[in-house]
PDB file of N, CA and C in Angstrom:
ATOM      1  N   MET A   1      93.990  98.264  94.488  1.00  0.00           N
ATOM      2  CA  MET A   1      95.397  99.310  94.450  1.00  0.00           C
ATOM      3  C   MET A   1      96.549  98.218  93.698  1.00  0.00           C
ATOM      4  N   ALA A   2      97.662  98.595  93.493  1.00  0.00           N
ATOM      5  CA  ALA A   2      98.774  97.325  93.840  1.00  0.00           C
ATOM      6  C   ALA A   2      99.934  98.980  93.960  1.00  0.00           C
ATOM      7  N   VAL A   3     100.683  98.653  94.365  1.00  0.00           N
ATOM      8  CA  VAL A   3     101.828  99.162  94.875  1.00  0.00           C
ATOM      9  C   VAL A   3     103.152  99.626  93.638  1.00  0.00           C
ATOM     10  N   TYR A   4     103.308 100.633  93.705  1.00  0.00           N
ATOM     11  CA  TYR A   4     104.397 100.419  92.330  1.00  0.00           C
ATOM     12  C   TYR A   4     105.423 101.024  92.869  1.00  0.00           C
ATOM     13  N   CYS A   5     107.022 101.068  92.685  1.00  0.00           N
ATOM     14  CA  CYS A   5     108.524 101.848  93.020  1.00  0.00           C
ATOM     15  C   CYS A   5     108.951 102.130  91.676  1.00  0.00           C
ATOM     16  N   ILE A   6     108.872 104.067  92.647  1.00  0.00           N
ATOM     17  CA  ILE A   6     109.221 104.473  91.141  1.00  0.00           C
ATOM     18  C   ILE A   6     111.088 105.032  91.097  1.00  0.00           C
ATOM     19  N   SER A   7     111.452 104.984  90.224  1.00  0.00           N
ATOM     20  CA  SER A   7     113.223 105.297  90.510  1.00  0.00           C
ATOM     21  C   SER A   7     113.770 106.340  89.587  1.00  0.00           C
ATOM     22  N   TYR A   8     114.241 107.526  90.193  1.00  0.00           N
ATOM     23  CA  TYR A   8     114.379 108.406  88.624  1.00  0.00           C
ATOM     24  C   TYR A   8     116.371 108.550  89.621  1.00  0.00           C
ATOM     25  N   ASP A   9     116.611 109.248  88.508  1.00  0.00           N
ATOM     26  CA  ASP A   9     118.314 109.683  88.405  1.00  0.00           C
ATOM     27  C   ASP A   9     118.378 111.076  87.205  1.00  0.00           C
ATOM     28  N   LEU A  10     117.990 112.588  87.872  1.00  0.00           N
ATOM     29  CA  LEU A  10     117.665 113.571  87.020  1.00  0.00           C
ATOM     30  C   LEU A  10     118.919 114.411  86.794  1.00  0.00           C
ATOM     31  N   LYS A  11     119.195 114.862  85.848  1.00  0.00           N
ATOM     32  CA  LYS A  11     120.193 115.340  86.089  1.00  0.00           C
ATOM     33  C   LYS A  11     120.669 116.661  86.429  1.00  0.00           C
ATOM     34  N   SER A  12     118.432 117.168  85.976  1.00  0.00           N
ATOM     35  CA  SER A  12     118.862 118.867  86.911  1.00  0.00           C
ATOM     36  C   SER A  12     118.527 118.726  88.298  1.00  0.00           C
ATOM     37  N   ASP A  13     118.843 119.867  88.757  1.00  0.00           N
ATOM     38  CA  ASP A  13     118.427 120.194  90.433  1.00  0.00           C
ATOM     39  C   ASP A  13     116.903 120.673  90.672  1.00  0.00           C
ATOM     40  N   ASN A  14     115.881 120.473  89.551  1.00  0.00           N
ATOM     41  CA  ASN A  14     114.397 120.666  90.067  1.00  0.00           C
ATOM     42  C   ASN A  14     113.762 119.266  90.625  1.00  0.00           C
ATOM     43  N   TYR A  15     113.632 118.527  91.103  1.00  0.00           N
ATOM     44  CA  TYR A  15     113.297 117.695  91.634  1.00  0.00           C
ATOM     45  C   TYR A  15     111.048 118.263  91.540  1.00  0.00           C
ATOM     46  N   SER A  16     111.254 119.114  92.121  1.00  0.00           N
ATOM     47  CA  SER A  16     109.909 119.561  93.174  1.00  0.00           C
ATOM     48  C   SER A  16     108.202 119.388  91.624  1.00  0.00           C
ATOM     49  N   ALA A  17     108.940 120.069  90.536  1.00  0.00           N
ATOM     50  CA  ALA A  17     107.319 119.068  90.265  1.00  0.00           C
ATOM     51  C   ALA A  17     106.728 117.829  90.241  1.00  0.00           C
ATOM     52  N   LEU A  18     108.230 116.934  90.028  1.00  0.00           N
ATOM     53  CA  LEU A  18     107.969 115.332  89.875  1.00  0.00           C
ATOM     54  C   LEU A  18     107.282 114.661  91.443  1.00  0.00           C
ATOM     55  N   ILE A  19     108.347 115.162  92.639  1.00  0.00           N
ATOM     56  CA  ILE A  19     107.800 115.211  93.739  1.00  0.00           C
ATOM     57  C   ILE A  19     106.678 115.141  93.504  1.00  0.00           C
ATOM     58  N   GLU A  20     105.485 116.181  93.260  1.00  0.00           N
ATOM     59  CA  GLU A  20     104.484 117.104  93.879  1.00  0.00           C
ATOM     60  C   GLU A  20     103.309 116.082  93.093  1.00  0.00           C
ATOM     61  N   SER A  21     104.277 115.027  91.869  1.00  0.00           N
ATOM     62  CA  SER A  21     103.475 115.069  91.112  1.00  0.00           C
ATOM     63  C   SER A  21     103.082 113.489  92.003  1.00  0.00           C
ATOM     64  N   ILE A  22     104.276 112.791  92.208  1.00  0.00           N
ATOM     65  CA  ILE A  22     104.543 111.413  93.063  1.00  0.00           C
ATOM     66  C   ILE A  22     103.431 111.794  94.364  1.00  0.00           C
ATOM     67  N   LYS A  23     103.262 112.485  94.654  1.00  0.00           N
ATOM     68  CA  LYS A  23     102.793 112.952  96.513  1.00  0.00           C
ATOM     69  C   LYS A  23     101.335 112.750  96.501  1.00  0.00           C
ATOM     70  N   ALA A  24     101.189 113.503  94.664  1.00  0.00           N
ATOM     71  CA  ALA A  24      99.887 113.282  94.048  1.00  0.00           C
ATOM     72  C   ALA A  24      98.633 112.076  94.413  1.00  0.00           C
ATOM     73  N   TYR A  25      99.841 111.257  94.385  1.00  0.00           N
ATOM     74  CA  TYR A  25      98.615 109.920  94.474  1.00  0.00           C
ATOM     75  C   TYR A  25      98.104 109.329  95.692  1.00  0.00           C
ATOM     76  N   GLY A  26      98.961 110.317  97.088  1.00  0.00           N
ATOM     77  CA  GLY A  26      97.796 110.306  97.799  1.00  0.00           C
ATOM     78  C   GLY A  26      98.927 109.342  98.735  1.00  0.00           C
ATOM     79  N   PHE A  27      99.011 107.664  98.637  1.00  0.00           N
ATOM     80  CA  PHE A  27      99.589 106.494  99.580  1.00  0.00           C
ATOM     81  C   PHE A  27     100.986 106.854  98.915  1.00  0.00           C
ATOM     82  N   TYR A  28     101.939 107.137  99.923  1.00  0.00           N
ATOM     83  CA  TYR A  28     103.397 106.868  99.321  1.00  0.00           C
ATOM     84  C   TYR A  28     104.250 107.169 100.426  1.00  0.00           C
ATOM     85  N   TRP A  29     105.839 106.390 100.574  1.00  0.00           N
ATOM     86  CA  TRP A  29     106.615 105.950 100.997  1.00  0.00           C
ATOM     87  C   TRP A  29     107.840 106.660  99.976  1.00  0.00           C
ATOM     88  N   HIS A  30     108.736 107.882 100.808  1.00  0.00           N
ATOM     89  CA  HIS A  30     109.863 108.304  99.896  1.00  0.00           C
ATOM     90  C   HIS A  30     110.684 107.514 101.262  1.00  0.00           C
ATOM     91  N   GLN A  31     111.442 106.498  99.813  1.00  0.00           N
ATOM     92  CA  GLN A  31     111.902 104.970 101.525  1.00  0.00           C
ATOM     93  C   GLN A  31     112.947 105.972 100.873  1.00  0.00           C
ATOM     94  N   SER A  32     113.326 106.319 100.008  1.00  0.00           N
ATOM     95  CA  SER A  32     115.039 107.148  99.460  1.00  0.00           C
ATOM     96  C   SER A  32     115.189 107.887  98.856  1.00  0.00           C
ATOM     97  N   GLU A  33     116.171 109.106  98.907  1.00  0.00           N
ATOM     98  CA  GLU A  33     116.370 110.195  97.786  1.00  0.00           C
ATOM     99  C   GLU A  33     115.839 110.245  96.713  1.00  0.00           C
ATOM    100  N   SER A  34     115.995 109.014  95.862  1.00  0.00           N
ATOM    101  CA  SER A  34     115.859 108.892  94.841  1.00  0.00           C
ATOM    102  C   SER A  34     114.504 107.882  94.555  1.00  0.00           C
ATOM    103  N   THR A  35     113.990 107.214  94.984  1.00  0.00           N
ATOM    104  CA  THR A  35     112.714 105.669  95.246  1.00  0.00           C
ATOM    105  C   THR A  35     111.652 105.750  96.086  1.00  0.00           C
ATOM    106  N   TRP A  36     110.713 105.898  95.432  1.00  0.00           N
ATOM    107  CA  TRP A  36     109.621 106.121  96.020  1.00  0.00           C
ATOM    108  C   TRP A  36     108.270 105.115  96.042  1.00  0.00           C
ATOM    109  N   PHE A  37     107.055 104.853  96.494  1.00  0.00           N
ATOM    110  CA  PHE A  37     106.627 103.853  96.588  1.00  0.00           C
ATOM    111  C   PHE A  37     105.137 104.562  96.608  1.00  0.00           C
ATOM    112  N   ILE A  38     104.748 103.974  95.835  1.00  0.00           N
ATOM    113  CA  ILE A  38     103.031 104.074  96.016  1.00  0.00           C
ATOM    114  C   ILE A  38     102.009 103.487  95.768  1.00  0.00           C
ATOM    115  N   GLU A  39     101.139 103.943  96.344  1.00  0.00           N
ATOM    116  CA  GLU A  39     100.001 102.858  95.537  1.00  0.00           C
ATOM    117  C   GLU A  39      98.952 103.550  95.279  1.00  0.00           C
ATOM    118  N   THR A  40      98.774 103.052  94.093  1.00  0.00           N
ATOM    119  CA  THR A  40      97.354 103.206  93.045  1.00  0.00           C
ATOM    120  C   THR A  40      96.753 102.675  92.227  1.00  0.00           C
ATOM    121  N   THR A  41      95.643 102.663  91.398  1.00  0.00           N
ATOM    122  CA  THR A  41      95.300 102.125  90.664  1.00  0.00           C
ATOM    123  C   THR A  41      95.725 101.938  89.384  1.00  0.00           C
ATOM    124  N   GLN A  42      96.105 103.254  88.897  1.00  0.00           N
ATOM    125  CA  GLN A  42      97.186 103.200  87.682  1.00  0.00           C
ATOM    126  C   GLN A  42      97.610 102.152  87.508  1.00  0.00           C
ATOM    127  N   GLY A  43      98.135 102.069  86.156  1.00  0.00           N
ATOM    128  CA  GLY A  43      99.178 100.770  85.550  1.00  0.00           C
ATOM    129  C   GLY A  43     100.347 101.437  85.414  1.00  0.00           C
ATOM    130  N   ALA A  44     101.779 100.775  85.983  1.00  0.00           N
ATOM    131  CA  ALA A  44     102.904 101.512  84.990  1.00  0.00           C
ATOM    132  C   ALA A  44     103.241 102.035  84.354  1.00  0.00           C
ATOM    133  N   LYS A  45     102.584 101.805  82.656  1.00  0.00           N
ATOM    134  CA  LYS A  45     102.743 103.082  82.081  1.00  0.00           C
ATOM    135  C   LYS A  45     101.311 104.428  81.565  1.00  0.00           C
ATOM    136  N   GLN A  46     100.467 103.913  82.953  1.00  0.00           N
ATOM    137  CA  GLN A  46     100.601 105.211  83.253  1.00  0.00           C
ATOM    138  C   GLN A  46     100.926 106.732  84.162  1.00  0.00           C
ATOM    139  N   ILE A  47     101.302 105.593  84.943  1.00  0.00           N
ATOM    140  CA  ILE A  47     101.977 106.340  86.001  1.00  0.00           C
ATOM    141  C   ILE A  47     103.135 106.512  85.452  1.00  0.00           C
ATOM    142  N   LEU A  48     104.411 105.980  84.347  1.00  0.00           N
ATOM    143  CA  LEU A  48     104.926 106.607  83.922  1.00  0.00           C
ATOM    144  C   LEU A  48     105.127 107.817  82.988  1.00  0.00           C
ATOM    145  N   GLU A  49     103.774 107.580  82.166  1.00  0.00           N
ATOM    146  CA  GLU A  49     103.079 108.751  81.313  1.00  0.00           C
ATOM    147  C   GLU A  49     103.283 110.282  82.235  1.00  0.00           C
ATOM    148  N   ASN A  50     102.432 109.660  83.766  1.00  0.00           N
ATOM    149  CA  ASN A  50     102.465 111.204  84.639  1.00  0.00           C
ATOM    150  C   ASN A  50     103.431 111.940  84.814  1.00  0.00           C
ATOM    151  N   LEU A  51     104.125 110.978  84.836  1.00  0.00           N
ATOM    152  CA  LEU A  51     105.200 111.108  85.860  1.00  0.00           C
ATOM    153  C   LEU A  51     106.968 112.120  84.779  1.00  0.00           C
ATOM    154  N   ASN A  52     106.669 111.442  83.649  1.00  0.00           N
ATOM    155  CA  ASN A  52     107.668 111.959  82.901  1.00  0.00           C
ATOM    156  C   ASN A  52     107.532 112.457  82.033  1.00  0.00           C
ATOM    157  N   ARG A  53     106.231 113.909  81.725  1.00  0.00           N
ATOM    158  CA  ARG A  53     106.163 115.201  81.567  1.00  0.00           C
ATOM    159  C   ARG A  53     106.903 116.211  82.759  1.00  0.00           C
ATOM    160  N   HIS A  54     107.488 115.689  83.384  1.00  0.00           N
ATOM    161  CA  HIS A  54     108.649 116.721  84.552  1.00  0.00           C
ATOM    162  C   HIS A  54     109.954 116.277  84.160  1.00  0.00           C
ATOM    163  N   LEU A  55     110.174 115.218  83.273  1.00  0.00           N
ATOM    164  CA  LEU A  55     111.454 115.063  83.177  1.00  0.00           C
ATOM    165  C   LEU A  55     112.273 115.317  82.268  1.00  0.00           C
ATOM    166  N   LYS A  56     113.115 115.792  82.069  1.00  0.00           N
ATOM    167  CA  LYS A  56     114.248 116.884  80.747  1.00  0.00           C
ATOM    168  C   LYS A  56     115.310 115.683  80.154  1.00  0.00           C
ATOM    169  N   LYS A  57     115.551 116.667  78.863  1.00  0.00           N
ATOM    170  CA  LYS A  57     116.101 115.442  78.167  1.00  0.00           C
ATOM    171  C   LYS A  57     118.143 114.806  78.916  1.00  0.00           C
ATOM    172  N   GLY A  58     117.805 112.806  79.177  1.00  0.00           N
ATOM    173  CA  GLY A  58     119.299 112.644  80.114  1.00  0.00           C
ATOM    174  C   GLY A  58     118.501 112.559  81.056  1.00  0.00           C
ATOM    175  N   ASP A  59     117.409 112.926  81.566  1.00  0.00           N
ATOM    176  CA  ASP A  59     117.096 112.253  83.466  1.00  0.00           C
ATOM    177  C   ASP A  59     116.176 111.319  82.737  1.00  0.00           C
ATOM    178  N   LYS A  60     116.233 109.880  83.978  1.00  0.00           N
ATOM    179  CA  LYS A  60     115.942 108.813  83.781  1.00  0.00           C
ATOM    180  C   LYS A  60     115.052 108.402  84.711  1.00  0.00           C
ATOM    181  N   ILE A  61     114.240 107.758  84.907  1.00  0.00           N
ATOM    182  CA  ILE A  61     112.627 107.500  85.764  1.00  0.00           C
ATOM    183  C   ILE A  61     112.201 105.675  84.923  1.00  0.00           C
ATOM    184  N   LEU A  62     112.314 105.212  86.374  1.00  0.00           N
ATOM    185  CA  LEU A  62     111.824 103.899  86.430  1.00  0.00           C
ATOM    186  C   LEU A  62     110.592 103.361  87.392  1.00  0.00           C
ATOM    187  N   VAL A  63     109.508 102.711  87.139  1.00  0.00           N
ATOM    188  CA  VAL A  63     108.165 102.428  87.258  1.00  0.00           C
ATOM    189  C   VAL A  63     108.112 101.000  87.153  1.00  0.00           C
ATOM    190  N   ILE A  64     107.740 100.251  88.641  1.00  0.00           N
ATOM    191  CA  ILE A  64     108.207  98.506  88.643  1.00  0.00           C
ATOM    192  C   ILE A  64     107.054  98.389  89.857  1.00  0.00           C
ATOM    193  N   LYS A  65     105.919  97.244  89.332  1.00  0.00           N
ATOM    194  CA  LYS A  65     104.724  97.008  90.075  1.00  0.00           C
ATOM    195  C   LYS A  65     105.304  96.002  91.285  1.00  0.00           C
ATOM    196  N   VAL A  66     105.147  96.363  92.649  1.00  0.00           N
ATOM    197  CA  VAL A  66     106.021  95.350  93.912  1.00  0.00           C
ATOM    198  C   VAL A  66     105.248  94.895  93.646  1.00  0.00           C
ATOM    199  N   GLN A  67     105.681  93.168  93.849  1.00  0.00           N
ATOM    200  CA  GLN A  67     104.308  92.070  94.337  1.00  0.00           C
ATOM    201  C   GLN A  67     104.800  91.369  95.756  1.00  0.00           C
ATOM    202  N   LYS A  68     104.456  90.413  95.850  1.00  0.00           N
ATOM    203  CA  LYS A  68     103.778  89.938  97.501  1.00  0.00           C
ATOM    204  C   LYS A  68     105.404  89.643  98.352  1.00  0.00           C
ATOM    205  N   ASN A  69     106.506  89.202  97.543  1.00  0.00           N
ATOM    206  CA  ASN A  69     107.308  88.911  97.910  1.00  0.00           C
ATOM    207  C   ASN A  69     108.332  89.493  97.618  1.00  0.00           C
ATOM    208  N   TRP A  70     108.697  90.071  99.129  1.00  0.00           N
ATOM    209  CA  TRP A  70     109.813  91.291  99.205  1.00  0.00           C
ATOM    210  C   TRP A  70     110.009  91.253 100.310  1.00  0.00           C
ATOM    211  N   TRP A  71     111.723  92.118 100.886  1.00  0.00           N
ATOM    212  CA  TRP A  71     112.209  91.837 101.455  1.00  0.00           C
ATOM    213  C   TRP A  71     112.955  93.142 101.615  1.00  0.00           C
ATOM    214  N   ALA A  72     113.345  93.634 102.789  1.00  0.00           N
ATOM    215  CA  ALA A  72     114.641  94.675 103.368  1.00  0.00           C
ATOM    216  C   ALA A  72     114.984  94.699 104.228  1.00  0.00           C
ATOM    217  N   ALA A  73     115.560  95.570 104.882  1.00  0.00           N
ATOM    218  CA  ALA A  73     116.738  95.619 105.692  1.00  0.00           C
ATOM    219  C   ALA A  73     117.199  97.242 105.904  1.00  0.00           C
ATOM    220  N   GLY A  74     117.454  97.484 106.996  1.00  0.00           N
ATOM    221  CA  GLY A  74     117.738  99.142 107.957  1.00  0.00           C
ATOM    222  C   GLY A  74     116.654  99.692 107.373  1.00  0.00           C
ATOM    223  N   HIS A  75     115.301  99.481 107.498  1.00  0.00           N
ATOM    224  CA  HIS A  75     114.414 100.280 107.553  1.00  0.00           C
ATOM    225  C   HIS A  75     113.767 100.609 109.063  1.00  0.00           C
ATOM    226  N   THR A  76     112.914 101.863 109.231  1.00  0.00           N
ATOM    227  CA  THR A  76     112.378 101.934 110.840  1.00  0.00           C
ATOM    228  C   THR A  76     111.238 100.525 110.449  1.00  0.00           C
ATOM    229  N   GLU A  77     110.458 100.712 111.894  1.00  0.00           N
ATOM    230  CA  GLU A  77     109.581  99.928 112.161  1.00  0.00           C
ATOM    231  C   GLU A  77     108.416 100.446 111.589  1.00  0.00           C
ATOM    232  N   GLU A  78     108.112 102.014 111.077  1.00  0.00           N
ATOM    233  CA  GLU A  78     107.343 102.329 110.689  1.00  0.00           C
ATOM    234  C   GLU A  78     107.152 102.541 109.132  1.00  0.00           C
ATOM    235  N   GLU A  79     108.498 102.375 108.012  1.00  0.00           N
ATOM    236  CA  GLU A  79     108.718 101.892 106.607  1.00  0.00           C
ATOM    237  C   GLU A  79     107.962 100.262 107.078  1.00  0.00           C
ATOM    238  N   TYR A  80     108.598  99.744 107.484  1.00  0.00           N
ATOM    239  CA  TYR A  80     108.527  98.356 107.323  1.00  0.00           C
ATOM    240  C   TYR A  80     106.277  97.974 107.575  1.00  0.00           C
ATOM    241  N   GLN A  81     106.081  98.853 108.654  1.00  0.00           N
ATOM    242  CA  GLN A  81     104.644  99.125 108.585  1.00  0.00           C
ATOM    243  C   GLN A  81     103.854  99.505 107.373  1.00  0.00           C
ATOM    244  N   TRP A  82     104.719 100.439 106.868  1.00  0.00           N
ATOM    245  CA  TRP A  82     103.411 100.725 105.750  1.00  0.00           C
ATOM    246  C   TRP A  82     103.831  99.692 104.506  1.00  0.00           C
ATOM    247  N   MET A  83     104.307  98.757 104.282  1.00  0.00           N
ATOM    248  CA  MET A  83     104.870  98.369 103.455  1.00  0.00           C
ATOM    249  C   MET A  83     103.618  97.157 103.897  1.00  0.00           C
ATOM    250  N   ARG A  84     103.756  96.283 104.826  1.00  0.00           N
ATOM    251  CA  ARG A  84     102.905  95.527 105.286  1.00  0.00           C
ATOM    252  C   ARG A  84     100.718  95.536 105.337  1.00  0.00           C
ATOM    253  N   GLU A  85     101.355  97.147 105.302  1.00  0.00           N
ATOM    254  CA  GLU A  85      99.710  97.448 104.859  1.00  0.00           C
ATOM    255  C   GLU A  85      99.362  97.595 104.170  1.00  0.00           C
ATOM    256  N   ARG A  86      99.999  97.382 102.650  1.00  0.00           N
ATOM    257  CA  ARG A  86      99.588  97.358 101.320  1.00  0.00           C
ATOM    258  C   ARG A  86      98.927  96.314 101.361  1.00  0.00           C
ATOM    259  N   ASN A  87      97.773  96.255 100.229  1.00  0.00           N
ATOM    260  CA  ASN A  87      97.539  94.943  99.556  1.00  0.00           C
ATOM    261  C   ASN A  87      97.640  94.452  98.472  1.00  0.00           C
ATOM    262  N   PHE A  88      98.936  94.096  98.357  1.00  0.00           N
ATOM    263  CA  PHE A  88      99.600  93.226  96.724  1.00  0.00           C
ATOM    264  C   PHE A  88      98.425  92.282  96.386  1.00  0.00           C
TER     265      PHE A  88
END
């Protein structure tokens, strides 16, 4: 399994279908308003194809595979633990 960062900028106010599709991956962390981390066996292209069906014209989305070397600041211990427990 790999960890991916999903970031989006939607022009519409309807985020619910996109968010439900992200949550359907099972292992996720909603890091900030429009940034999520998921753990999955799918690749970045498959994830994008799955989520892209919920986007409208003018919406943006980015899917990036997270590598072992990461750093963060200002999060809760629970949030840091989520990342530490992932298998990169």
